[in-house]
Amino acid sequence: MPLFLTGPRGIGKSTALRRAIAAPGQSPGGIMTVFDAPRGSEEKRLWLLPWSPEPDYTAGAVCARMGPAGREVYAEVFDGLGVQLLERSEREEGTSLIVLDELGFLEADALRFRETVLRLLRGPKPVLGVVRQGLGAWGDAPLGKLLEVTEENREEIPARILKWLAQAGETPRFGAYTLLKPYDFSKVYNA
């Protein structure tokens, strides 16, 4: 069952995810979104990049711009580059974990991207992600387990992620895949 971290903006969801998958022997793929300006900046761009511990802007593209005049979203970047990166992670044998950091409301009009994400959630590889609090455009989607990150529990979250990976049937080296159990959408997991 996929696991998604959720919680207030700036609480440390992506940081907790990075800390958990920094353990030796892991080979994650997937996507990440990164702003190119500090939080609170008047103007900034959001980049869609291949998952990596450090952003590689040369391998990505701007998927949204935010400024005083509003927000401009480029759904074609999600539907093009985003789908390409996710499908590559799905196909590559060396990728044992698919990371989706972060899903939110910007993908609402990116239908190919959304379909690809939903297909990955039903696939054989574990999916670990971050989803905007309130789920954004994903409110009706069967995301799997939601783990709320708070100031009180954020230091424990990497250990909880590692426990989830172990329960998903993964070996420490992520060498064997198991079929995911059926979704249980009735629960929201609070850490």
Protein backbone atom coordinates (compact mmCIF):
# COMPACT_ATOMS: atom_id res chain seq x y z
CA MET A 1 0.00 0.00 0.00
CA PRO A 2 1.44 3.41 -0.93
CA LEU A 3 2.35 5.79 1.87
CA PHE A 4 1.95 9.56 1.66
CA LEU A 5 3.11 12.15 4.16
CA THR A 6 0.84 15.13 4.67
CA GLY A 7 0.82 18.11 7.00
CA PRO A 8 1.16 21.89 7.09
CA ARG A 9 3.46 23.66 4.66
CA GLY A 10 7.03 23.83 5.95
CA ILE A 11 6.54 21.18 8.65
CA GLY A 12 9.27 18.92 7.24
CA LYS A 13 7.45 16.36 5.09
CA SER A 14 10.01 16.31 2.28
CA THR A 15 12.89 16.46 4.75
CA ALA A 16 11.55 13.41 6.59
CA LEU A 17 11.11 11.56 3.30
CA ARG A 18 14.70 12.37 2.23
CA ARG A 19 16.10 11.27 5.59
CA ALA A 20 14.29 7.94 5.41
CA ILE A 21 15.35 7.03 1.90
CA ALA A 22 18.93 8.13 2.44
CA ALA A 23 19.59 4.74 4.06
CA PRO A 24 22.21 2.63 2.24
CA GLY A 25 21.03 0.21 -0.42
CA GLN A 26 17.98 2.10 -1.55
CA SER A 27 17.44 2.99 -5.20
CA PRO A 28 14.52 5.39 -5.48
CA GLY A 29 13.21 6.92 -8.69
CA GLY A 30 10.25 9.18 -9.36
CA ILE A 31 9.81 12.93 -9.21
CA MET A 32 10.25 15.93 -6.97
CA THR A 33 9.11 19.53 -7.17
CA VAL A 34 11.40 22.30 -5.94
CA PHE A 35 11.02 26.07 -5.77
CA ASP A 36 13.95 28.11 -7.06
CA ALA A 37 13.44 30.90 -4.50
CA PRO A 38 13.16 30.88 -0.71
CA ARG A 39 9.78 30.48 0.99
CA GLY A 40 8.05 33.84 1.18
CA SER A 41 9.65 35.22 -2.00
CA GLU A 42 7.31 37.38 -4.03
CA GLU A 43 8.18 35.64 -7.31
CA LYS A 44 9.30 32.05 -7.73
CA ARG A 45 9.26 29.15 -10.14
CA LEU A 46 8.40 25.56 -9.30
CA TRP A 47 10.55 22.96 -11.04
CA LEU A 48 9.57 19.38 -11.83
CA LEU A 49 12.69 17.25 -11.52
CA PRO A 50 13.68 13.58 -11.44
CA TRP A 51 13.94 12.34 -7.87
CA SER A 52 17.41 12.93 -6.48
CA PRO A 53 18.82 13.75 -3.03
CA GLU A 54 19.96 17.07 -4.55
CA PRO A 55 18.01 18.98 -7.21
CA ASP A 56 19.37 18.67 -10.77
CA TYR A 57 17.76 21.59 -12.58
CA THR A 58 19.38 20.58 -15.88
CA ALA A 59 17.16 17.46 -15.97
CA GLY A 60 13.88 19.25 -15.22
CA ALA A 61 11.52 21.95 -16.34
CA VAL A 62 9.49 24.76 -14.81
CA CYS A 63 5.96 23.50 -14.12
CA ALA A 64 4.55 26.65 -12.47
CA ARG A 65 5.32 30.31 -11.84
CA MET A 66 4.00 32.26 -8.88
CA GLY A 67 4.08 36.00 -8.37
CA PRO A 68 2.08 39.09 -7.46
CA ALA A 69 -0.11 38.68 -10.55
CA GLY A 70 -1.08 35.13 -9.59
CA ARG A 71 -0.12 31.62 -10.56
CA GLU A 72 0.56 30.11 -13.97
CA VAL A 73 0.63 26.31 -14.18
CA TYR A 74 2.08 24.36 -17.12
CA ALA A 75 0.04 21.15 -17.19
CA GLU A 76 1.94 20.10 -20.32
CA VAL A 77 5.13 19.78 -18.24
CA PHE A 78 3.42 17.34 -15.86
CA ASP A 79 1.87 15.47 -18.81
CA GLY A 80 5.15 15.39 -20.74
CA LEU A 81 8.26 15.34 -18.57
CA GLY A 82 6.39 14.15 -15.46
CA VAL A 83 4.91 11.14 -17.23
CA GLN A 84 8.27 10.37 -18.87
CA LEU A 85 10.11 10.39 -15.52
CA LEU A 86 7.47 8.26 -13.80
CA GLU A 87 7.29 5.70 -16.61
CA ARG A 88 11.09 5.42 -16.64
CA SER A 89 11.05 4.74 -12.87
CA GLU A 90 8.31 2.17 -13.40
CA ARG A 91 10.30 0.32 -16.12
CA GLU A 92 13.81 0.44 -14.67
CA GLU A 93 14.71 -2.72 -12.79
CA GLY A 94 17.20 -0.81 -10.65
CA THR A 95 14.47 1.46 -9.29
CA SER A 96 12.88 -0.22 -6.30
CA LEU A 97 10.89 2.65 -4.82
CA ILE A 98 8.90 5.36 -6.58
CA VAL A 99 8.97 8.76 -4.88
CA LEU A 100 6.30 11.43 -5.51
CA ASP A 101 7.41 14.61 -3.75
CA GLU A 102 5.02 16.51 -3.83
CA LEU A 103 1.49 16.15 -5.16
CA GLY A 104 -1.03 18.95 -4.73
CA PHE A 105 -3.45 21.13 -6.64
CA LEU A 106 -1.16 22.10 -9.53
CA GLU A 107 -1.69 18.75 -11.31
CA ALA A 108 -5.47 19.21 -11.54
CA ASP A 109 -5.43 19.71 -15.34
CA ALA A 110 -2.57 17.28 -16.06
CA LEU A 111 -4.74 14.28 -16.86
CA ARG A 112 -2.00 12.01 -18.30
CA PHE A 113 0.15 12.69 -15.24
CA ARG A 114 -2.71 11.93 -12.86
CA GLU A 115 -3.53 8.69 -14.70
CA THR A 116 0.12 7.63 -14.56
CA VAL A 117 0.32 8.31 -10.81
CA LEU A 118 -2.85 6.31 -10.20
CA ARG A 119 -1.47 3.41 -12.26
CA LEU A 120 1.77 3.46 -10.23
CA LEU A 121 -0.22 3.34 -7.00
CA ARG A 122 -1.65 -0.01 -8.14
CA GLY A 123 1.70 -1.32 -9.40
CA PRO A 124 4.22 -3.71 -7.87
CA LYS A 125 6.76 -1.09 -6.75
CA PRO A 126 6.26 0.66 -3.41
CA VAL A 127 5.23 4.32 -3.74
CA LEU A 128 6.25 6.87 -1.13
CA GLY A 129 5.12 10.45 -1.49
CA VAL A 130 4.22 13.80 -0.07
CA VAL A 131 0.77 15.22 -0.68
CA ARG A 132 -0.41 18.71 0.07
CA GLN A 133 -2.48 18.99 3.23
CA GLY A 134 -6.11 18.79 2.20
CA LEU A 135 -4.95 16.61 -0.74
CA GLY A 136 -5.32 19.37 -3.34
CA ALA A 137 -6.38 17.87 -6.68
CA TRP A 138 -6.02 14.37 -5.21
CA GLY A 139 -8.95 14.55 -2.78
CA ASP A 140 -10.87 11.66 -4.36
CA ALA A 141 -7.85 9.59 -5.38
CA PRO A 142 -7.04 6.28 -3.66
CA LEU A 143 -3.61 7.31 -2.37
CA GLY A 144 -3.23 4.61 0.30
CA LYS A 145 -2.04 5.39 3.82
CA LEU A 146 -1.72 9.01 4.89
CA LEU A 147 0.73 9.82 7.67
CA GLU A 148 0.31 13.27 9.16
CA VAL A 149 3.56 15.07 10.01
CA THR A 150 3.43 17.42 12.99
CA GLU A 151 6.01 19.32 15.01
CA GLU A 152 5.61 16.70 17.73
CA ASN A 153 6.23 13.64 15.51
CA ARG A 154 8.40 14.80 12.62
CA GLU A 155 11.61 13.38 14.10
CA GLU A 156 9.97 9.94 14.27
CA ILE A 157 8.68 9.98 10.69
CA PRO A 158 11.81 8.57 8.96
CA ALA A 159 11.70 5.52 11.28
CA ARG A 160 8.00 5.08 10.55
CA ILE A 161 8.72 5.21 6.81
CA LEU A 162 11.39 2.53 7.18
CA LYS A 163 8.94 0.40 9.16
CA TRP A 164 6.35 0.84 6.38
CA LEU A 165 8.91 -0.24 3.78
CA ALA A 166 9.67 -3.36 5.81
CA GLN A 167 5.95 -4.14 6.11
CA ALA A 168 5.56 -3.65 2.35
CA GLY A 169 7.66 -6.78 2.04
CA GLU A 170 10.90 -5.15 0.99
CA THR A 171 14.30 -6.55 1.87
CA PRO A 172 16.87 -4.06 3.23
CA ARG A 173 18.40 -3.87 -0.25
CA PHE A 174 14.99 -3.57 -1.94
CA GLY A 175 15.85 -6.56 -4.10
CA ALA A 176 12.49 -8.35 -4.12
CA TYR A 177 9.05 -7.00 -4.92
CA THR A 178 5.78 -8.19 -3.51
CA LEU A 179 2.27 -7.42 -4.64
CA LEU A 180 0.74 -4.60 -2.67
CA LYS A 181 -2.14 -5.42 -0.39
CA PRO A 182 -5.60 -4.03 -1.26
CA TYR A 183 -6.12 -0.39 -0.33
CA ASP A 184 -7.76 0.51 2.94
CA PHE A 185 -9.06 3.99 2.21
CA SER A 186 -11.10 4.28 5.39
CA LYS A 187 -8.15 5.22 7.59
CA VAL A 188 -5.99 8.29 7.89
CA TYR A 189 -2.91 7.41 9.91
CA ASN A 190 -1.86 9.98 12.46
CA ALA A 191 1.66 9.43 13.73
